[in-house]
Amino acid sequence: MAEVSIKRLREYLMSNINTSNLVEVDKVNRYCTLFFSVFKVKVEANKFDVVIIKKVLHKNLKTASRLEKMALISTQLLNID
């Protein structure tokens, strides 16, 4: 599955709402912000996974916290929808 850019996501969502409704526009903005947060957490997790060989125990703790962040953000994304 291809990665979706924030710009394309925002354009798609904005084309499917009433842009004069400020509540809907705000939801799109919040959704995109959270979507970007998930992207940043994934990037951090991928960078950290490179260090896996040297500090296995430390890696497990950090990865778990990143996964928790991703789960919380995903829950917020679903709540907005």
Protein backbone atom coordinates (compact mmCIF):
# COMPACT_ATOMS: atom_id res chain seq x y z
CA MET A 1 0.00 0.00 0.00
CA ALA A 2 1.40 3.39 -0.99
CA GLU A 3 1.99 6.11 1.58
CA VAL A 4 -0.51 8.96 1.45
CA SER A 5 0.83 12.51 1.57
CA ILE A 6 -0.73 14.94 4.01
CA LYS A 7 -1.43 17.32 1.14
CA ARG A 8 -3.36 14.71 -0.84
CA LEU A 9 -5.23 13.59 2.26
CA ARG A 10 -6.26 17.17 3.10
CA GLU A 11 -7.36 17.81 -0.50
CA TYR A 12 -9.41 14.62 -0.54
CA LEU A 13 -11.10 15.32 2.79
CA MET A 14 -11.80 18.95 1.94
CA SER A 15 -13.42 17.92 -1.35
CA ASN A 16 -15.83 15.68 0.58
CA ILE A 17 -17.08 18.21 3.12
CA ASN A 18 -18.99 21.46 3.18
CA THR A 19 -16.05 23.89 3.40
CA SER A 20 -18.29 26.67 4.67
CA ASN A 21 -18.96 24.57 7.79
CA LEU A 22 -16.15 25.56 10.16
CA VAL A 23 -16.67 22.51 12.38
CA GLU A 24 -16.06 20.15 9.46
CA VAL A 25 -13.00 22.15 8.35
CA ASP A 26 -11.64 22.00 11.90
CA LYS A 27 -12.14 18.22 11.97
CA VAL A 28 -10.18 17.88 8.73
CA ASN A 29 -7.37 20.02 10.15
CA ARG A 30 -7.24 18.00 13.39
CA TYR A 31 -7.34 14.73 11.46
CA CYS A 32 -4.44 15.82 9.25
CA THR A 33 -2.44 16.97 12.28
CA LEU A 34 -2.93 13.61 13.98
CA PHE A 35 -2.17 11.78 10.73
CA PHE A 36 1.14 13.66 10.55
CA SER A 37 1.84 12.76 14.20
CA VAL A 38 1.51 9.08 13.34
CA PHE A 39 3.95 9.60 10.48
CA LYS A 40 6.49 11.25 12.82
CA VAL A 41 6.18 8.44 15.37
CA LYS A 42 6.74 5.85 12.61
CA VAL A 43 9.86 7.70 11.44
CA GLU A 44 11.21 7.83 15.00
CA ALA A 45 10.51 4.12 15.47
CA ASN A 46 12.25 3.27 12.20
CA LYS A 47 15.32 5.33 13.15
CA PHE A 48 15.43 3.68 16.53
CA ASP A 49 15.12 0.18 15.10
CA VAL A 50 18.51 0.67 13.41
CA VAL A 51 20.12 0.78 16.86
CA ILE A 52 18.50 -2.52 17.82
CA ILE A 53 21.69 -4.58 17.79
CA LYS A 54 23.54 -2.64 20.49
CA LYS A 55 20.80 -2.04 23.05
CA VAL A 56 18.12 -4.67 22.83
CA LEU A 57 16.50 -4.02 26.21
CA HIS A 58 16.52 -0.24 25.72
CA LYS A 59 15.01 -0.69 22.25
CA ASN A 60 12.12 -2.73 23.57
CA LEU A 61 11.18 -0.05 26.08
CA LYS A 62 11.34 2.76 23.54
CA THR A 63 9.47 0.85 20.85
CA ALA A 64 6.72 0.00 23.31
CA SER A 65 6.25 3.68 24.20
CA ARG A 66 6.15 4.61 20.51
CA LEU A 67 3.55 1.92 19.87
CA GLU A 68 1.48 3.27 22.74
CA LYS A 69 1.67 6.76 21.21
CA MET A 70 0.56 5.38 17.85
CA ALA A 71 -2.37 3.58 19.48
CA LEU A 72 -3.48 6.76 21.28
CA ILE A 73 -3.23 8.82 18.10
CA SER A 74 -5.13 6.17 16.13
CA THR A 75 -7.91 6.27 18.71
CA GLN A 76 -8.12 10.05 18.36
CA LEU A 77 -8.26 9.72 14.56
CA LEU A 78 -11.18 7.33 14.85
CA ASN A 79 -12.96 9.64 17.30
CA ILE A 80 -12.74 12.54 14.83
CA ASP A 81 -14.25 10.43 12.07
